[in-house]
Amino acid sequence: MLTTHYRPGSPCWIDVSSPDPDDSVTFYTGLFGWDSVSLGAEHMHYRFCQVGGRTVAGISPERAGRGDPSWLTYFQAPDADVITKTVEQAGGQVLAAPFDIEGQGRMAVFADPAGASFAVWQPGATKGLGLVTDPGSLGWVELYTPDPGGIRAFYQSVFGWHIEDLPMGDISYPVISPAEGGGESAAMAGIAQLQEGDRPHWLAYFEVADCDATVALAQRLGGTLRAPAMTTEGVGRMAFLADPFGARFAVITSSA
């Protein structure tokens, strides 16, 4: 499961790009009960979104290289420059070369060989999210890609991930753990088959207390339901949504 003890290669941050950050703040604070803290003009009014004083996500104004409004998953990297070279050697694309966020850390943005965007975070003062797996915070991330088997070599060469196929009903589901291992309890992400006509992407799942109630609230706040709520035995009840600007995300009420 996700933790805030960030090992190299583990999800450590998420943020959403928005053409109107104020409207995005209104949507997400209304949906998840977040508080929003602006970092000021020197950081382009980037917002930290928090639950009980602990940061669970960021909201960013649109920036070059981010494309359409979207959630971006960051993976912990001891050295963003070294990872950048590895990404290039493995066949990925550098969308934003490593750069410093003054006093906070160093980051870079990439696309994998199939086109899914992701980022790395080399921590400074900001180590990563302050809360995960609790209601209102990140619970899981999932890669949607046209060739789930073929993409493994890229990410394993970049992050050293362990990827294990676990049975899920009539299918197997590739589950990702960090290079340092830790068994099934260290699982932090999954890989899913991309539907025809869709674009490769990483999807953030937010834990919520009541999936159906959250879906209804999201629609009242101007969000879009992309796929209705469904229950997966042993996993939980989940639904797929988009915010008013089209950024995709999922919500899940995990099984006890």
Protein backbone atom coordinates (compact mmCIF):
# COMPACT_ATOMS: atom_id res chain seq x y z
CA MET A 1 0.00 0.00 0.00
CA LEU A 2 1.00 3.62 -0.37
CA THR A 3 2.84 5.17 2.55
CA THR A 4 4.55 8.48 3.28
CA HIS A 5 7.86 6.66 3.84
CA TYR A 6 8.90 7.42 0.30
CA ARG A 7 11.20 4.84 -1.24
CA PRO A 8 12.85 5.57 -4.58
CA GLY A 9 10.38 4.95 -7.39
CA SER A 10 7.28 5.23 -5.23
CA PRO A 11 4.44 7.71 -5.85
CA CYS A 12 5.21 10.73 -3.70
CA TRP A 13 3.21 13.65 -5.13
CA ILE A 14 0.25 14.45 -7.38
CA ASP A 15 -1.02 17.67 -8.80
CA VAL A 16 -3.61 18.80 -11.30
CA SER A 17 -3.04 21.47 -13.93
CA SER A 18 -5.91 23.87 -14.47
CA PRO A 19 -6.74 26.82 -16.74
CA ASP A 20 -8.54 28.35 -13.76
CA PRO A 21 -6.97 27.25 -10.46
CA ASP A 22 -9.53 29.17 -8.40
CA ASP A 23 -12.37 27.19 -9.98
CA SER A 24 -10.44 23.96 -9.52
CA VAL A 25 -9.93 24.80 -5.86
CA THR A 26 -13.68 25.35 -5.49
CA PHE A 27 -14.43 21.99 -7.11
CA TYR A 28 -11.92 19.86 -5.18
CA THR A 29 -12.37 21.52 -1.80
CA GLY A 30 -16.11 21.06 -2.21
CA LEU A 31 -15.69 17.43 -3.23
CA PHE A 32 -13.07 16.21 -0.77
CA GLY A 33 -13.29 18.80 2.02
CA TRP A 34 -9.75 19.98 1.35
CA ASP A 35 -8.25 23.21 2.61
CA SER A 36 -6.21 25.19 0.06
CA VAL A 37 -3.00 27.11 0.76
CA SER A 38 -1.43 29.32 -1.93
CA LEU A 39 2.37 29.45 -2.16
CA GLY A 40 2.19 33.00 -3.49
CA ALA A 41 3.19 34.82 -6.64
CA GLU A 42 6.80 33.62 -6.47
CA HIS A 43 5.47 30.08 -7.06
CA MET A 44 2.76 31.08 -9.59
CA HIS A 45 0.15 30.76 -6.84
CA TYR A 46 0.57 27.00 -6.75
CA ARG A 47 -1.85 25.54 -4.18
CA PHE A 48 -1.20 22.94 -1.53
CA CYS A 49 -4.42 21.04 -0.80
CA GLN A 50 -4.61 19.73 2.72
CA VAL A 51 -6.59 17.54 5.10
CA GLY A 52 -6.05 18.35 8.76
CA GLY A 53 -2.95 20.38 7.91
CA ARG A 54 -1.32 17.56 5.91
CA THR A 55 -0.85 18.02 2.17
CA VAL A 56 -2.69 15.55 -0.07
CA ALA A 57 -2.35 17.14 -3.54
CA GLY A 58 -1.40 20.25 -5.46
CA ILE A 59 -3.24 22.49 -7.92
CA SER A 60 -1.13 24.16 -10.57
CA PRO A 61 -1.83 26.76 -13.24
CA GLU A 62 -1.36 25.41 -16.74
CA ARG A 63 2.29 25.19 -17.72
CA ALA A 64 4.15 24.39 -20.92
CA GLY A 65 4.60 20.66 -21.34
CA ARG A 66 1.56 19.69 -19.28
CA GLY A 67 -0.89 19.49 -22.21
CA ASP A 68 -4.61 19.41 -21.44
CA PRO A 69 -5.78 19.74 -17.81
CA SER A 70 -4.71 16.54 -16.10
CA TRP A 71 -3.51 14.94 -12.90
CA LEU A 72 0.22 14.25 -12.88
CA THR A 73 1.79 11.51 -10.76
CA TYR A 74 5.29 12.11 -9.37
CA PHE A 75 7.65 9.31 -8.36
CA GLN A 76 10.41 9.78 -5.80
CA ALA A 77 13.89 10.10 -7.32
CA PRO A 78 17.15 10.50 -5.39
CA ASP A 79 18.61 12.24 -8.47
CA ALA A 80 16.29 13.72 -11.12
CA ASP A 81 19.18 14.26 -13.56
CA VAL A 82 20.25 10.62 -13.45
CA ILE A 83 16.65 9.47 -13.95
CA THR A 84 16.34 11.80 -16.94
CA LYS A 85 19.27 10.12 -18.68
CA THR A 86 17.78 6.69 -17.88
CA VAL A 87 14.40 7.70 -19.30
CA GLU A 88 16.02 8.83 -22.54
CA GLN A 89 18.10 5.67 -22.84
CA ALA A 90 15.01 3.52 -22.23
CA GLY A 91 13.03 5.21 -25.02
CA GLY A 92 11.01 7.77 -23.09
CA GLN A 93 10.61 11.47 -23.86
CA VAL A 94 11.68 14.42 -21.72
CA LEU A 95 8.78 16.89 -21.58
CA ALA A 96 10.42 19.17 -19.02
CA ALA A 97 14.11 18.85 -18.19
CA PRO A 98 15.06 18.82 -14.49
CA PHE A 99 14.57 22.15 -12.75
CA ASP A 100 14.52 23.39 -9.18
CA ILE A 101 11.48 24.51 -7.22
CA GLU A 102 13.28 26.95 -4.96
CA GLY A 103 13.62 25.58 -1.46
CA GLN A 104 11.26 22.67 -2.16
CA GLY A 105 12.97 20.15 -4.45
CA ARG A 106 13.87 19.31 -8.04
CA MET A 107 11.57 17.81 -10.65
CA ALA A 108 11.31 16.68 -14.26
CA VAL A 109 8.42 15.58 -16.47
CA PHE A 110 8.49 12.71 -18.97
CA ALA A 111 6.38 10.60 -21.28
CA ASP A 112 6.85 6.85 -21.46
CA PRO A 113 7.25 5.16 -24.88
CA ALA A 114 3.46 4.79 -25.18
CA GLY A 115 2.88 8.48 -24.39
CA ALA A 116 1.73 8.42 -20.74
CA SER A 117 3.05 11.45 -18.82
CA PHE A 118 4.64 11.18 -15.39
CA ALA A 119 7.08 13.16 -13.27
CA VAL A 120 9.85 12.60 -10.77
CA TRP A 121 10.47 14.51 -7.57
CA GLN A 122 13.89 14.85 -5.95
CA PRO A 123 12.93 16.01 -2.47
CA GLY A 124 14.24 19.08 -0.76
CA ALA A 125 12.23 20.74 2.00
CA THR A 126 9.09 19.11 0.55
CA LYS A 127 9.53 15.36 0.97
CA GLY A 128 6.19 14.41 -0.54
CA LEU A 129 2.52 14.16 0.34
CA GLY A 130 1.78 14.30 4.05
CA LEU A 131 -1.17 11.91 3.98
CA VAL A 132 -2.16 8.94 1.81
CA THR A 133 -4.80 6.16 1.90
CA ASP A 134 -7.08 8.08 4.28
CA PRO A 135 -10.36 9.61 3.02
CA GLY A 136 -9.61 12.63 0.84
CA SER A 137 -6.09 11.50 -0.02
CA LEU A 138 -4.34 9.44 -2.68
CA GLY A 139 -5.04 5.74 -2.39
CA TRP A 140 -3.63 4.20 -5.57
CA VAL A 141 -2.25 5.04 -9.01
CA GLU A 142 -2.77 3.07 -12.19
CA LEU A 143 -1.16 3.14 -15.62
CA TYR A 144 -3.47 2.75 -18.62
CA THR A 145 -1.44 1.61 -21.61
CA PRO A 146 -2.06 -0.24 -24.90
CA ASP A 147 0.55 -2.93 -24.14
CA PRO A 148 0.69 -3.69 -20.39
CA GLY A 149 3.28 -6.40 -20.93
CA GLY A 150 5.52 -4.44 -23.24
CA ILE A 151 5.70 -1.28 -21.10
CA ARG A 152 7.13 -3.10 -18.08
CA ALA A 153 10.72 -3.11 -19.35
CA PHE A 154 10.73 0.69 -19.60
CA TYR A 155 9.61 1.33 -16.03
CA GLN A 156 11.75 -1.46 -14.62
CA SER A 157 14.82 0.06 -16.26
CA VAL A 158 13.93 3.54 -14.98
CA PHE A 159 12.80 2.72 -11.43
CA GLY A 160 13.77 -0.92 -10.88
CA TRP A 161 10.18 -1.79 -10.01
CA HIS A 162 9.01 -5.27 -9.09
CA ILE A 163 5.91 -6.13 -11.15
CA GLU A 164 3.86 -9.19 -10.20
CA ASP A 165 0.71 -10.54 -11.85
CA LEU A 166 -1.95 -11.08 -9.21
CA PRO A 167 -5.22 -12.93 -9.86
CA MET A 168 -8.31 -10.72 -9.96
CA GLY A 169 -11.38 -12.73 -10.88
CA ASP A 170 -10.89 -14.20 -14.36
CA ILE A 171 -7.89 -11.99 -15.16
CA SER A 172 -4.46 -11.21 -13.77
CA TYR A 173 -3.57 -7.69 -12.71
CA PRO A 174 0.02 -6.43 -12.82
CA VAL A 175 0.86 -4.88 -9.45
CA ILE A 176 3.91 -2.66 -8.91
CA SER A 177 6.13 -2.58 -5.83
CA PRO A 178 9.26 -0.47 -5.29
CA ALA A 179 12.72 -1.76 -6.15
CA GLU A 180 13.46 -2.38 -2.47
CA GLY A 181 10.62 -4.89 -2.40
CA GLY A 182 8.45 -5.53 0.62
CA GLY A 183 6.05 -8.09 -0.83
CA GLU A 184 2.39 -7.66 -1.67
CA SER A 185 1.91 -5.24 1.24
CA ALA A 186 4.26 -2.80 -0.53
CA ALA A 187 2.11 -2.68 -3.68
CA MET A 188 1.67 0.94 -4.74
CA ALA A 189 0.35 0.95 -8.31
CA GLY A 190 -1.10 -1.19 -11.07
CA ILE A 191 -1.16 -1.51 -14.84
CA ALA A 192 -4.40 -1.73 -16.83
CA GLN A 193 -5.30 -2.32 -20.46
CA LEU A 194 -6.10 0.90 -22.31
CA GLN A 195 -9.41 0.95 -24.13
CA GLU A 196 -9.28 1.44 -27.87
CA GLY A 197 -9.41 5.11 -28.84
CA ASP A 198 -8.21 6.35 -25.45
CA ARG A 199 -4.82 7.90 -24.74
CA PRO A 200 -2.23 6.37 -22.39
CA HIS A 201 -2.24 7.97 -18.95
CA TRP A 202 -1.58 7.54 -15.26
CA LEU A 203 -4.76 7.72 -13.17
CA ALA A 204 -4.94 8.83 -9.53
CA TYR A 205 -7.44 7.15 -7.20
CA PHE A 206 -8.61 9.11 -4.16
CA GLU A 207 -9.88 7.27 -1.12
CA VAL A 208 -13.38 8.36 -0.02
CA ALA A 209 -15.74 7.27 2.73
CA ASP A 210 -18.69 6.71 0.37
CA CYS A 211 -18.04 6.21 -3.33
CA ASP A 212 -21.64 6.71 -4.48
CA ALA A 213 -22.17 9.84 -2.42
CA THR A 214 -18.90 11.29 -3.77
CA VAL A 215 -19.96 10.55 -7.36
CA ALA A 216 -23.26 12.35 -6.84
CA LEU A 217 -21.52 15.33 -5.24
CA ALA A 218 -18.93 15.53 -8.04
CA GLN A 219 -21.69 15.82 -10.62
CA ARG A 220 -23.47 18.52 -8.64
CA LEU A 221 -20.20 20.46 -8.51
CA GLY A 222 -19.76 20.30 -12.29
CA GLY A 223 -17.73 17.11 -12.69
CA THR A 224 -18.42 14.37 -15.21
CA LEU A 225 -19.01 10.68 -14.56
CA ARG A 226 -16.84 8.72 -17.01
CA ALA A 227 -17.76 5.25 -15.75
CA PRO A 228 -20.37 4.37 -13.11
CA ALA A 229 -19.48 3.01 -9.71
CA MET A 230 -18.64 -0.68 -9.57
CA THR A 231 -17.54 -3.07 -6.87
CA THR A 232 -14.51 -5.34 -7.20
CA GLU A 233 -14.45 -8.10 -4.62
CA GLY A 234 -11.60 -7.73 -2.16
CA VAL A 235 -10.71 -4.29 -3.52
CA GLY A 236 -13.63 -1.93 -2.99
CA ARG A 237 -16.15 0.23 -4.79
CA MET A 238 -14.80 2.71 -7.34
CA ALA A 239 -15.90 5.16 -10.02
CA PHE A 240 -14.17 7.14 -12.75
CA LEU A 241 -14.68 10.90 -13.00
CA ALA A 242 -13.40 14.08 -14.63
CA ASP A 243 -13.32 17.54 -13.10
CA PRO A 244 -15.01 20.55 -14.79
CA PHE A 245 -11.92 21.07 -16.98
CA GLY A 246 -11.65 17.44 -18.05
CA ALA A 247 -8.86 16.22 -15.73
CA ARG A 248 -9.50 12.55 -15.02
CA PHE A 249 -9.38 10.86 -11.65
CA ALA A 250 -11.01 8.00 -9.79
CA VAL A 251 -12.52 7.60 -6.34
CA ILE A 252 -12.52 4.42 -4.31
CA THR A 253 -14.01 3.21 -1.05
CA SER A 254 -11.63 0.40 -0.26
CA SER A 255 -12.74 -2.90 1.25
CA ALA A 256 -12.06 -3.19 4.95
